[in-house]
Protein backbone atom coordinates (compact mmCIF):
# COMPACT_ATOMS: atom_id res chain seq x y z
CA MET A 1 173.12 136.76 119.89
CA ALA A 2 175.55 135.86 117.10
CA ALA A 3 174.25 135.51 113.57
CA ILE A 4 174.32 132.02 112.10
CA ILE A 5 176.57 131.88 109.05
CA ARG A 6 175.45 129.45 106.36
CA GLU A 7 178.17 128.26 104.00
CA ASP A 8 175.65 127.76 101.18
CA THR A 9 174.29 131.31 101.35
CA CYS A 10 175.77 134.44 99.77
CA PRO A 11 176.74 136.97 102.46
CA PHE A 12 175.35 139.82 100.33
CA CYS A 13 172.02 138.74 98.85
CA GLY A 14 171.22 135.74 101.04
CA GLY A 15 170.68 133.58 97.96
CA VAL A 16 172.19 130.18 97.28
CA ASN A 17 175.85 130.68 96.35
CA GLY A 18 176.35 127.41 94.43
CA CYS A 19 179.54 126.63 96.35
CA MET A 20 181.03 123.26 95.50
CA ALA A 21 184.05 123.53 97.84
CA LYS A 22 183.06 120.43 99.79
CA SER A 23 182.13 118.45 96.67
CA THR A 24 184.10 116.24 94.32
CA GLN A 25 182.85 118.46 91.47
CA SER A 26 184.64 121.62 90.44
CA CYS A 27 183.16 124.88 91.69
CA TRP A 28 182.18 127.71 89.31
CA CYS A 29 184.58 130.02 91.13
CA VAL A 30 187.65 128.02 90.08
CA ASP A 31 187.54 129.73 86.70
CA ALA A 32 186.15 133.04 87.97
CA THR A 33 188.00 136.18 88.97
CA ILE A 34 186.60 137.48 92.23
CA PRO A 35 187.65 141.14 92.67
CA ALA A 36 189.63 141.84 95.83
CA GLY A 37 187.42 144.88 96.47
CA LEU A 38 184.37 142.63 96.61
CA VAL A 39 186.03 140.15 98.95
CA GLU A 40 186.91 143.05 101.27
CA LEU A 41 183.19 143.92 101.53
CA VAL A 42 182.24 140.51 102.96
CA PRO A 43 181.03 141.13 106.53
CA ASP A 44 183.50 139.96 109.18
CA PRO A 45 181.31 137.15 110.57
CA ALA A 46 181.01 135.58 107.08
CA ARG A 47 184.58 136.19 105.93
CA GLY A 48 186.24 132.90 105.03
CA LYS A 49 183.02 131.02 105.81
CA ALA A 50 180.51 131.88 103.07
CA CYS A 51 181.10 132.23 99.33
CA ILE A 52 179.82 135.09 97.21
CA CYS A 53 177.29 134.04 94.53
CA GLN A 54 177.77 134.55 90.79
CA ALA A 55 175.00 137.15 90.62
CA CYS A 56 176.67 139.36 93.23
CA VAL A 57 180.05 139.02 91.50
CA ARG A 58 178.39 140.18 88.25
CA LEU A 59 176.62 143.08 89.98
CA TYR A 60 179.85 144.21 91.61
CA ASN A 61 181.71 144.02 88.29
CA GLN A 62 179.03 146.15 86.59
CA ASP A 63 179.14 148.93 89.19
CA PRO A 64 181.50 148.46 92.15
CA GLU A 65 180.60 151.72 93.86
CA SER A 66 176.84 151.14 93.79
CA PHE A 67 177.35 147.59 95.05
CA ARG A 68 179.53 148.86 97.90
CA VAL A 69 176.97 151.49 98.92
CA ARG A 70 174.12 148.96 98.80
CA SER A 71 176.05 146.36 100.80
CA GLU A 72 176.88 148.91 103.51
CA ARG A 73 173.17 149.69 104.00
CA GLN A 74 172.30 146.07 104.74
């Protein structure tokens, strides 16, 4: 059975990602720098379908290696 991908849920923590892509309002990510290394960690089923939340971007920026290891265990 295929996992259901929710556009409003972060693919790493499962929390609300705050995506405004389908809104008339500007999204927080417009002014953010999302590291390519973090984008590469997004699981294939969610890639291009679910945005990463601000908290996970911050965690990755603080310690990319620990974030990578933790995301691979999930």
